[in-house]
All heavy atoms as atom14 arrays in JSON, in Angstrom:
{
  "sequence": "SAPDPGNVRPLKVLRKTLELLKQKWKDEKNYTFICDQFKSLRQDL",
  "atom14_mask": [
    [1, 1, 1, 1, 1, 1, 0, 0, 0, 0, 0, 0, 0, 0],
    [1, 1, 1, 1, 1, 0, 0, 0, 0, 0, 0, 0, 0, 0],
    [1, 1, 1, 1, 1, 1, 1, 0, 0, 0, 0, 0, 0, 0],
    [1, 1, 1, 1, 1, 1, 1, 1, 0, 0, 0, 0, 0, 0],
    [1, 1, 1, 1, 1, 1, 1, 0, 0, 0, 0, 0, 0, 0],
    [1, 1, 1, 1, 0, 0, 0, 0, 0, 0, 0, 0, 0, 0],
    [1, 1, 1, 1, 1, 1, 1, 1, 0, 0, 0, 0, 0, 0],
    [1, 1, 1, 1, 1, 1, 1, 0, 0, 0, 0, 0, 0, 0],
    [1, 1, 1, 1, 1, 1, 1, 1, 1, 1, 1, 0, 0, 0],
    [1, 1, 1, 1, 1, 1, 1, 0, 0, 0, 0, 0, 0, 0],
    [1, 1, 1, 1, 1, 1, 1, 1, 0, 0, 0, 0, 0, 0],
    [1, 1, 1, 1, 1, 1, 1, 1, 1, 0, 0, 0, 0, 0],
    [1, 1, 1, 1, 1, 1, 1, 0, 0, 0, 0, 0, 0, 0],
    [1, 1, 1, 1, 1, 1, 1, 1, 0, 0, 0, 0, 0, 0],
    [1, 1, 1, 1, 1, 1, 1, 1, 1, 1, 1, 0, 0, 0],
    [1, 1, 1, 1, 1, 1, 1, 1, 1, 0, 0, 0, 0, 0],
    [1, 1, 1, 1, 1, 1, 1, 0, 0, 0, 0, 0, 0, 0],
    [1, 1, 1, 1, 1, 1, 1, 1, 0, 0, 0, 0, 0, 0],
    [1, 1, 1, 1, 1, 1, 1, 1, 1, 0, 0, 0, 0, 0],
    [1, 1, 1, 1, 1, 1, 1, 1, 0, 0, 0, 0, 0, 0],
    [1, 1, 1, 1, 1, 1, 1, 1, 0, 0, 0, 0, 0, 0],
    [1, 1, 1, 1, 1, 1, 1, 1, 1, 0, 0, 0, 0, 0],
    [1, 1, 1, 1, 1, 1, 1, 1, 1, 0, 0, 0, 0, 0],
    [1, 1, 1, 1, 1, 1, 1, 1, 1, 0, 0, 0, 0, 0],
    [1, 1, 1, 1, 1, 1, 1, 1, 1, 1, 1, 1, 1, 1],
    [1, 1, 1, 1, 1, 1, 1, 1, 1, 0, 0, 0, 0, 0],
    [1, 1, 1, 1, 1, 1, 1, 1, 0, 0, 0, 0, 0, 0],
    [1, 1, 1, 1, 1, 1, 1, 1, 1, 0, 0, 0, 0, 0],
    [1, 1, 1, 1, 1, 1, 1, 1, 1, 0, 0, 0, 0, 0],
    [1, 1, 1, 1, 1, 1, 1, 1, 0, 0, 0, 0, 0, 0],
    [1, 1, 1, 1, 1, 1, 1, 1, 1, 1, 1, 1, 0, 0],
    [1, 1, 1, 1, 1, 1, 1, 0, 0, 0, 0, 0, 0, 0],
    [1, 1, 1, 1, 1, 1, 1, 1, 1, 1, 1, 0, 0, 0],
    [1, 1, 1, 1, 1, 1, 1, 1, 0, 0, 0, 0, 0, 0],
    [1, 1, 1, 1, 1, 1, 0, 0, 0, 0, 0, 0, 0, 0],
    [1, 1, 1, 1, 1, 1, 1, 1, 0, 0, 0, 0, 0, 0],
    [1, 1, 1, 1, 1, 1, 1, 1, 1, 0, 0, 0, 0, 0],
    [1, 1, 1, 1, 1, 1, 1, 1, 1, 1, 1, 0, 0, 0],
    [1, 1, 1, 1, 1, 1, 1, 1, 1, 0, 0, 0, 0, 0],
    [1, 1, 1, 1, 1, 1, 0, 0, 0, 0, 0, 0, 0, 0],
    [1, 1, 1, 1, 1, 1, 1, 1, 0, 0, 0, 0, 0, 0],
    [1, 1, 1, 1, 1, 1, 1, 1, 1, 1, 1, 0, 0, 0],
    [1, 1, 1, 1, 1, 1, 1, 1, 1, 0, 0, 0, 0, 0],
    [1, 1, 1, 1, 1, 1, 1, 1, 0, 0, 0, 0, 0, 0],
    [1, 1, 1, 1, 1, 1, 1, 1, 0, 0, 0, 0, 0, 0]
  ],
  "atom14_positions": [
    [[-12.41, 13.24, 12.57], [-13.59, 12.92, 13.37], [-14.68, 12.47, 12.39], [-14.48, 12.45, 11.18], [-14.05, 14.14, 14.16], [-14.37, 15.22, 13.3], [0.0, 0.0, 0.0], [0.0, 0.0, 0.0], [0.0, 0.0, 0.0], [0.0, 0.0, 0.0], [0.0, 0.0, 0.0], [0.0, 0.0, 0.0], [0.0, 0.0, 0.0], [0.0, 0.0, 0.0]],
    [[-15.83, 12.11, 12.94], [-16.94, 11.68, 12.09], [-17.31, 12.79, 11.11], [-17.37, 13.96, 11.49], [-18.14, 11.32, 12.95], [0.0, 0.0, 0.0], [0.0, 0.0, 0.0], [0.0, 0.0, 0.0], [0.0, 0.0, 0.0], [0.0, 0.0, 0.0], [0.0, 0.0, 0.0], [0.0, 0.0, 0.0], [0.0, 0.0, 0.0], [0.0, 0.0, 0.0]],
    [[-17.54, 12.45, 9.84], [-17.85, 13.48, 8.84], [-19.2, 14.14, 9.11], [-20.14, 13.49, 9.57], [-17.87, 12.7, 7.52], [-18.14, 11.29, 7.91], [-17.5, 11.1, 9.25], [0.0, 0.0, 0.0], [0.0, 0.0, 0.0], [0.0, 0.0, 0.0], [0.0, 0.0, 0.0], [0.0, 0.0, 0.0], [0.0, 0.0, 0.0], [0.0, 0.0, 0.0]],
    [[-19.28, 15.42, 8.81], [-20.51, 16.19, 8.95], [-21.25, 16.15, 7.61], [-20.7, 16.53, 6.58], [-20.16, 17.64, 9.31], [-21.4, 18.53, 9.47], [-22.51, 18.05, 9.17], [-21.24, 19.68, 9.88], [0.0, 0.0, 0.0], [0.0, 0.0, 0.0], [0.0, 0.0, 0.0], [0.0, 0.0, 0.0], [0.0, 0.0, 0.0], [0.0, 0.0, 0.0]],
    [[-22.5, 15.67, 7.58], [-23.25, 15.61, 6.32], [-23.28, 16.95, 5.58], [-23.32, 16.98, 4.35], [-24.66, 15.19, 6.76], [-24.45, 14.46, 8.05], [-23.28, 15.14, 8.71], [0.0, 0.0, 0.0], [0.0, 0.0, 0.0], [0.0, 0.0, 0.0], [0.0, 0.0, 0.0], [0.0, 0.0, 0.0], [0.0, 0.0, 0.0], [0.0, 0.0, 0.0]],
    [[-23.23, 18.06, 6.33], [-23.26, 19.37, 5.7], [-22.01, 19.69, 4.91], [-22.01, 20.62, 4.09], [0.0, 0.0, 0.0], [0.0, 0.0, 0.0], [0.0, 0.0, 0.0], [0.0, 0.0, 0.0], [0.0, 0.0, 0.0], [0.0, 0.0, 0.0], [0.0, 0.0, 0.0], [0.0, 0.0, 0.0], [0.0, 0.0, 0.0], [0.0, 0.0, 0.0]],
    [[-20.92, 18.93, 5.13], [-19.67, 19.15, 4.4], [-19.41, 18.07, 3.36], [-18.34, 18.04, 2.74], [-18.49, 19.19, 5.38], [-18.56, 20.38, 6.31], [-19.04, 21.45, 5.92], [-18.1, 20.21, 7.53], [0.0, 0.0, 0.0], [0.0, 0.0, 0.0], [0.0, 0.0, 0.0], [0.0, 0.0, 0.0], [0.0, 0.0, 0.0], [0.0, 0.0, 0.0]],
    [[-20.38, 17.19, 3.16], [-20.23, 16.08, 2.21], [-21.23, 16.25, 1.07], [-22.39, 16.56, 1.3], [-20.45, 14.72, 2.92], [-20.36, 13.57, 1.92], [-19.43, 14.54, 4.04], [0.0, 0.0, 0.0], [0.0, 0.0, 0.0], [0.0, 0.0, 0.0], [0.0, 0.0, 0.0], [0.0, 0.0, 0.0], [0.0, 0.0, 0.0], [0.0, 0.0, 0.0]],
    [[-20.75, 16.04, -0.16], [-21.62, 16.21, -1.32], [-22.33, 14.91, -1.68], [-21.67, 13.86, -1.75], [-20.78, 16.69, -2.52], [-20.16, 18.06, -2.33], [-18.98, 18.31, -3.24], [-17.85, 17.42, -2.91], [-16.66, 17.48, -3.47], [-16.42, 18.39, -4.4], [-15.7, 16.66, -3.1], [0.0, 0.0, 0.0], [0.0, 0.0, 0.0], [0.0, 0.0, 0.0]],
    [[-23.62, 14.94, -1.93], [-24.33, 13.72, -2.34], [-23.96, 13.33, -3.76], [-23.3, 14.09, -4.49], [-25.8, 14.13, -2.24], [-25.79, 15.61, -2.45], [-24.52, 16.1, -1.82], [0.0, 0.0, 0.0], [0.0, 0.0, 0.0], [0.0, 0.0, 0.0], [0.0, 0.0, 0.0], [0.0, 0.0, 0.0], [0.0, 0.0, 0.0], [0.0, 0.0, 0.0]],
    [[-24.4, 12.15, -4.16], [-24.0, 11.6, -5.46], [-24.33, 12.52, -6.63], [-23.51, 12.71, -7.53], [-24.66, 10.23, -5.65], [-24.32, 9.48, -6.94], [-22.82, 9.28, -7.07], [-25.05, 8.14, -6.98], [0.0, 0.0, 0.0], [0.0, 0.0, 0.0], [0.0, 0.0, 0.0], [0.0, 0.0, 0.0], [0.0, 0.0, 0.0], [0.0, 0.0, 0.0]],
    [[-25.51, 13.12, -6.63], [-25.9, 13.96, -7.77], [-24.98, 15.17, -7.91], [-24.71, 15.64, -9.02], [-27.35, 14.4, -7.65], [-27.67, 15.28, -6.46], [-29.15, 15.66, -6.44], [-29.48, 16.56, -5.26], [-30.92, 16.93, -5.23], [0.0, 0.0, 0.0], [0.0, 0.0, 0.0], [0.0, 0.0, 0.0], [0.0, 0.0, 0.0], [0.0, 0.0, 0.0]],
    [[-24.49, 15.7, -6.78], [-23.55, 16.83, -6.82], [-22.17, 16.35, -7.26], [-21.47, 17.03, -8.01], [-23.48, 17.54, -5.45], [-22.44, 18.65, -5.47], [-24.85, 18.1, -5.08], [0.0, 0.0, 0.0], [0.0, 0.0, 0.0], [0.0, 0.0, 0.0], [0.0, 0.0, 0.0], [0.0, 0.0, 0.0], [0.0, 0.0, 0.0], [0.0, 0.0, 0.0]],
    [[-21.78, 15.16, -6.8], [-20.46, 14.62, -7.18], [-20.39, 14.38, -8.69], [-19.31, 14.52, -9.29], [-20.19, 13.32, -6.42], [-20.01, 13.47, -4.9], [-19.84, 12.1, -4.24], [-18.83, 14.37, -4.58], [0.0, 0.0, 0.0], [0.0, 0.0, 0.0], [0.0, 0.0, 0.0], [0.0, 0.0, 0.0], [0.0, 0.0, 0.0], [0.0, 0.0, 0.0]],
    [[-21.48, 14.02, -9.3], [-21.49, 13.84, -10.77], [-21.19, 15.17, -11.46], [-20.43, 15.22, -12.44], [-22.85, 13.3, -11.23], [-23.15, 11.88, -10.77], [-24.44, 11.37, -11.39], [-24.86, 10.08, -10.85], [-24.37, 8.9, -11.25], [-23.46, 8.86, -12.21], [-24.81, 7.79, -10.71], [0.0, 0.0, 0.0], [0.0, 0.0, 0.0], [0.0, 0.0, 0.0]],
    [[-21.77, 16.24, -10.95], [-21.5, 17.57, -11.52], [-20.04, 17.97, -11.26], [-19.4, 18.58, -12.12], [-22.43, 18.6, -10.89], [-23.9, 18.4, -11.22], [-24.76, 19.44, -10.51], [-26.24, 19.22, -10.76], [-27.08, 20.2, -10.03], [0.0, 0.0, 0.0], [0.0, 0.0, 0.0], [0.0, 0.0, 0.0], [0.0, 0.0, 0.0], [0.0, 0.0, 0.0]],
    [[-19.53, 17.62, -10.08], [-18.13, 17.92, -9.75], [-17.2, 17.25, -10.74], [-16.23, 17.86, -11.22], [-17.81, 17.45, -8.32], [-18.55, 18.24, -7.38], [-16.32, 17.59, -8.02], [0.0, 0.0, 0.0], [0.0, 0.0, 0.0], [0.0, 0.0, 0.0], [0.0, 0.0, 0.0], [0.0, 0.0, 0.0], [0.0, 0.0, 0.0], [0.0, 0.0, 0.0]],
    [[-17.46, 15.99, -11.06], [-16.59, 15.27, -11.98], [-16.57, 15.94, -13.35], [-15.49, 16.08, -13.96], [-17.04, 13.81, -12.12], [-16.17, 12.95, -13.03], [-14.74, 12.87, -12.48], [-16.76, 11.55, -13.19], [0.0, 0.0, 0.0], [0.0, 0.0, 0.0], [0.0, 0.0, 0.0], [0.0, 0.0, 0.0], [0.0, 0.0, 0.0], [0.0, 0.0, 0.0]],
    [[-17.71, 16.36, -13.84], [-17.76, 17.03, -15.14], [-16.96, 18.34, -15.1], [-16.25, 18.67, -16.06], [-19.21, 17.32, -15.53], [-20.02, 16.07, -15.85], [-19.37, 15.22, -16.93], [-18.98, 15.78, -17.98], [-19.21, 14.0, -16.7], [0.0, 0.0, 0.0], [0.0, 0.0, 0.0], [0.0, 0.0, 0.0], [0.0, 0.0, 0.0], [0.0, 0.0, 0.0]],
    [[-17.05, 19.05, -13.99], [-16.29, 20.29, -13.84], [-14.79, 20.01, -13.83], [-14.0, 20.72, -14.49], [-16.69, 20.99, -12.53], [-15.91, 22.26, -12.17], [-16.17, 23.36, -13.2], [-16.29, 22.74, -10.77], [0.0, 0.0, 0.0], [0.0, 0.0, 0.0], [0.0, 0.0, 0.0], [0.0, 0.0, 0.0], [0.0, 0.0, 0.0], [0.0, 0.0, 0.0]],
    [[-14.38, 18.96, -13.12], [-12.95, 18.62, -13.03], [-12.41, 18.16, -14.38], [-11.27, 18.48, -14.73], [-12.73, 17.55, -11.97], [-13.06, 17.95, -10.52], [-12.74, 16.81, -9.56], [-12.32, 19.22, -10.11], [0.0, 0.0, 0.0], [0.0, 0.0, 0.0], [0.0, 0.0, 0.0], [0.0, 0.0, 0.0], [0.0, 0.0, 0.0], [0.0, 0.0, 0.0]],
    [[-13.2, 17.43, -15.12], [-12.77, 16.99, -16.46], [-12.47, 18.2, -17.34], [-11.45, 18.25, -18.04], [-13.86, 16.12, -17.1], [-13.95, 14.73, -16.52], [-15.25, 14.04, -16.88], [-15.45, 13.83, -18.34], [-16.69, 13.04, -18.62], [0.0, 0.0, 0.0], [0.0, 0.0, 0.0], [0.0, 0.0, 0.0], [0.0, 0.0, 0.0], [0.0, 0.0, 0.0]],
    [[-13.35, 19.2, -17.29], [-13.16, 20.41, -18.11], [-11.95, 21.21, -17.63], [-11.17, 21.71, -18.44], [-14.42, 21.26, -18.07], [-14.43, 22.4, -19.07], [-14.32, 21.91, -20.51], [-15.01, 20.98, -20.92], [-13.42, 22.54, -21.28], [0.0, 0.0, 0.0], [0.0, 0.0, 0.0], [0.0, 0.0, 0.0], [0.0, 0.0, 0.0], [0.0, 0.0, 0.0]],
    [[-11.79, 21.32, -16.3], [-10.67, 22.09, -15.76], [-9.34, 21.42, -16.1], [-8.35, 22.11, -16.37], [-10.82, 22.24, -14.24], [-11.89, 23.24, -13.83], [-11.56, 23.94, -12.52], [-12.46, 25.13, -12.29], [-12.0, 25.99, -11.19], [0.0, 0.0, 0.0], [0.0, 0.0, 0.0], [0.0, 0.0, 0.0], [0.0, 0.0, 0.0], [0.0, 0.0, 0.0]],
    [[-9.31, 20.1, -16.06], [-8.07, 19.4, -16.4], [-7.73, 19.62, -17.88], [-6.57, 19.84, -18.23], [-8.19, 17.91, -16.1], [-6.99, 17.11, -16.5], [-6.93, 16.11, -17.44], [-5.66, 17.24, -16.0], [-5.65, 15.62, -17.55], [-4.85, 16.3, -16.66], [-5.08, 18.09, -15.04], [-3.5, 16.16, -16.4], [-3.72, 17.95, -14.79], [-2.95, 17.0, -15.47]],
    [[-8.75, 19.6, -18.71], [-8.54, 19.82, -20.14], [-8.04, 21.23, -20.4], [-7.14, 21.45, -21.23], [-9.85, 19.58, -20.89], [-9.78, 19.79, -22.39], [-11.12, 19.52, -23.05], [-11.06, 19.79, -24.55], [-12.39, 19.56, -25.21], [0.0, 0.0, 0.0], [0.0, 0.0, 0.0], [0.0, 0.0, 0.0], [0.0, 0.0, 0.0], [0.0, 0.0, 0.0]],
    [[-8.59, 22.22, -19.68], [-8.28, 23.63, -19.95], [-7.0, 24.1, -19.24], [-6.24, 24.89, -19.8], [-9.44, 24.53, -19.5], [-10.7, 24.28, -20.31], [-10.59, 23.71, -21.41], [-11.79, 24.65, -19.83], [0.0, 0.0, 0.0], [0.0, 0.0, 0.0], [0.0, 0.0, 0.0], [0.0, 0.0, 0.0], [0.0, 0.0, 0.0], [0.0, 0.0, 0.0]],
    [[-6.78, 23.63, -18.0], [-5.72, 24.21, -17.17], [-4.54, 23.3, -16.9], [-3.43, 23.78, -16.65], [-6.33, 24.67, -15.84], [-7.46, 25.68, -16.0], [-8.19, 25.97, -14.7], [-7.67, 25.54, -13.63], [-9.25, 26.6, -14.72], [0.0, 0.0, 0.0], [0.0, 0.0, 0.0], [0.0, 0.0, 0.0], [0.0, 0.0, 0.0], [0.0, 0.0, 0.0]],
    [[-4.75, 21.98, -16.88], [-3.68, 21.01, -16.62], [-2.95, 21.3, -15.3], [-1.73, 21.12, -15.2], [-2.66, 21.01, -17.76], [-3.22, 20.54, -19.09], [-3.54, 19.05, -19.08], [-3.99, 18.56, -20.45], [-4.31, 17.13, -20.47], [0.0, 0.0, 0.0], [0.0, 0.0, 0.0], [0.0, 0.0, 0.0], [0.0, 0.0, 0.0], [0.0, 0.0, 0.0]],
    [[-3.7, 21.77, -14.3], [-3.1, 22.06, -12.99], [-3.22, 20.8, -12.13], [-4.24, 20.56, -11.48], [-3.84, 23.24, -12.33], [-3.22, 23.63, -11.0], [-2.49, 22.87, -10.37], [-3.51, 24.85, -10.56], [0.0, 0.0, 0.0], [0.0, 0.0, 0.0], [0.0, 0.0, 0.0], [0.0, 0.0, 0.0], [0.0, 0.0, 0.0], [0.0, 0.0, 0.0]],
    [[-2.15, 19.99, -12.11], [-2.24, 18.69, -11.46], [-2.42, 18.8, -9.95], [-3.16, 18.03, -9.34], [-1.02, 17.83, -11.77], [-1.1, 16.47, -11.08], [-2.05, 15.53, -11.47], [-0.24, 16.14, -10.03], [-2.16, 14.3, -10.85], [-0.34, 14.91, -9.4], [-1.3, 14.0, -9.81], [-1.41, 12.77, -9.18], [0.0, 0.0, 0.0], [0.0, 0.0, 0.0]],
    [[-1.75, 19.75, -9.31], [-1.87, 19.91, -7.86], [-3.32, 20.14, -7.46], [-3.84, 19.52, -6.53], [-1.0, 21.08, -7.36], [0.36, 20.83, -7.7], [-1.12, 21.23, -5.85], [0.0, 0.0, 0.0], [0.0, 0.0, 0.0], [0.0, 0.0, 0.0], [0.0, 0.0, 0.0], [0.0, 0.0, 0.0], [0.0, 0.0, 0.0], [0.0, 0.0, 0.0]],
    [[-3.99, 21.03, -8.19], [-5.39, 21.32, -7.92], [-6.27, 20.12, -8.21], [-7.13, 19.73, -7.41], [-5.84, 22.52, -8.76], [-7.32, 22.76, -8.74], [-7.93, 23.4, -7.67], [-8.12, 22.32, -9.8], [-9.31, 23.62, -7.65], [-9.5, 22.54, -9.79], [-10.09, 23.18, -8.72], [0.0, 0.0, 0.0], [0.0, 0.0, 0.0], [0.0, 0.0, 0.0]],
    [[-6.08, 19.51, -9.39], [-6.93, 18.39, -9.81], [-6.78, 17.2, -8.87], [-7.77, 16.56, -8.49], [-6.61, 17.98, -11.26], [-7.16, 19.03, -12.24], [-7.17, 16.6, -11.58], [-8.68, 19.12, -12.26], [0.0, 0.0, 0.0], [0.0, 0.0, 0.0], [0.0, 0.0, 0.0], [0.0, 0.0, 0.0], [0.0, 0.0, 0.0], [0.0, 0.0, 0.0]],
    [[-5.56, 16.9, -8.47], [-5.33, 15.77, -7.57], [-6.04, 16.0, -6.24], [-6.68, 15.1, -5.69], [-3.83, 15.56, -7.36], [-3.44, 14.11, -6.33], [0.0, 0.0, 0.0], [0.0, 0.0, 0.0], [0.0, 0.0, 0.0], [0.0, 0.0, 0.0], [0.0, 0.0, 0.0], [0.0, 0.0, 0.0], [0.0, 0.0, 0.0], [0.0, 0.0, 0.0]],
    [[-5.91, 17.2, -5.71], [-6.56, 17.53, -4.44], [-8.08, 17.4, -4.56], [-8.74, 16.85, -3.66], [-6.19, 18.96, -4.05], [-6.82, 19.39, -2.73], [-6.26, 19.03, -1.68], [-7.86, 20.08, -2.75], [0.0, 0.0, 0.0], [0.0, 0.0, 0.0], [0.0, 0.0, 0.0], [0.0, 0.0, 0.0], [0.0, 0.0, 0.0], [0.0, 0.0, 0.0]],
    [[-8.65, 17.86, -5.68], [-10.09, 17.81, -5.88], [-10.58, 16.37, -6.05], [-11.65, 16.0, -5.54], [-10.49, 18.64, -7.1], [-10.32, 20.14, -6.89], [-11.25, 20.68, -5.82], [-12.44, 20.4, -5.81], [-10.69, 21.46, -4.9], [0.0, 0.0, 0.0], [0.0, 0.0, 0.0], [0.0, 0.0, 0.0], [0.0, 0.0, 0.0], [0.0, 0.0, 0.0]],
    [[-9.79, 15.55, -6.74], [-10.18, 14.15, -6.91], [-10.11, 13.39, -5.58], [-10.96, 12.53, -5.3], [-9.28, 13.46, -7.94], [-9.88, 13.4, -9.32], [-9.56, 14.36, -10.27], [-10.77, 12.4, -9.67], [-10.12, 14.32, -11.54], [-11.34, 12.35, -10.93], [-11.01, 13.31, -11.87], [0.0, 0.0, 0.0], [0.0, 0.0, 0.0], [0.0, 0.0, 0.0]],
    [[-9.13, 13.7, -4.75], [-9.04, 13.05, -3.44], [-10.24, 13.43, -2.58], [-10.79, 12.6, -1.85], [-7.73, 13.42, -2.75], [-6.51, 12.8, -3.4], [-5.23, 13.25, -2.75], [-5.05, 12.68, -1.37], [-3.69, 12.91, -0.83], [0.0, 0.0, 0.0], [0.0, 0.0, 0.0], [0.0, 0.0, 0.0], [0.0, 0.0, 0.0], [0.0, 0.0, 0.0]],
    [[-10.67, 14.68, -2.68], [-11.85, 15.13, -1.96], [-13.1, 14.42, -2.47], [-13.97, 14.01, -1.68], [-12.0, 16.65, -2.1], [-13.18, 17.1, -1.49], [0.0, 0.0, 0.0], [0.0, 0.0, 0.0], [0.0, 0.0, 0.0], [0.0, 0.0, 0.0], [0.0, 0.0, 0.0], [0.0, 0.0, 0.0], [0.0, 0.0, 0.0], [0.0, 0.0, 0.0]],
    [[-13.18, 14.28, -3.78], [-14.32, 13.59, -4.39], [-14.36, 12.13, -3.94], [-15.42, 11.6, -3.56], [-14.2, 13.69, -5.91], [-15.44, 13.39, -6.78], [-15.23, 13.96, -8.18], [-15.71, 11.91, -6.88], [0.0, 0.0, 0.0], [0.0, 0.0, 0.0], [0.0, 0.0, 0.0], [0.0, 0.0, 0.0], [0.0, 0.0, 0.0], [0.0, 0.0, 0.0]],
    [[-13.2, 11.48, -3.96], [-13.12, 10.08, -3.53], [-13.51, 9.94, -2.05], [-14.18, 8.97, -1.67], [-11.7, 9.55, -3.75], [-11.37, 9.27, -5.21], [-9.88, 9.2, -5.47], [-9.15, 8.49, -4.43], [-7.81, 8.51, -4.31], [-7.08, 9.21, -5.17], [-7.21, 7.84, -3.36], [0.0, 0.0, 0.0], [0.0, 0.0, 0.0], [0.0, 0.0, 0.0]],
    [[-13.1, 10.9, -1.24], [-13.43, 10.85, 0.18], [-14.94, 10.92, 0.39], [-15.5, 10.18, 1.22], [-12.74, 11.99, 0.92], [-12.93, 11.98, 2.43], [-12.25, 13.16, 3.09], [-12.66, 14.31, 2.93], [-11.17, 12.9, 3.81], [0.0, 0.0, 0.0], [0.0, 0.0, 0.0], [0.0, 0.0, 0.0], [0.0, 0.0, 0.0], [0.0, 0.0, 0.0]],
    [[-15.61, 11.8, -0.36], [-17.06, 11.92, -0.23], [-17.77, 10.64, -0.65], [-18.8, 10.27, -0.08], [-17.58, 13.1, -1.06], [-17.3, 14.44, -0.38], [-16.77, 14.45, 0.74], [-17.63, 15.49, -0.98], [0.0, 0.0, 0.0], [0.0, 0.0, 0.0], [0.0, 0.0, 0.0], [0.0, 0.0, 0.0], [0.0, 0.0, 0.0], [0.0, 0.0, 0.0]],
    [[-17.23, 9.95, -1.65], [-17.79, 8.66, -2.04], [-17.6, 7.63, -0.93], [-18.51, 6.86, -0.61], [-17.11, 8.16, -3.33], [-17.46, 8.88, -4.62], [-16.54, 8.44, -5.75], [-18.92, 8.63, -5.01], [0.0, 0.0, 0.0], [0.0, 0.0, 0.0], [0.0, 0.0, 0.0], [0.0, 0.0, 0.0], [0.0, 0.0, 0.0], [0.0, 0.0, 0.0]]
  ]
}
């Protein structure tokens, strides 16, 4: 259905999300988690 603004992250938050995901990929290498998070990030964009 139409996205709810309350469930979507604005650009400034998405920038912080990307930095967090970069560090988590470096530290944990959990592809299932990282892929899911990147798809969510792409969707918000």
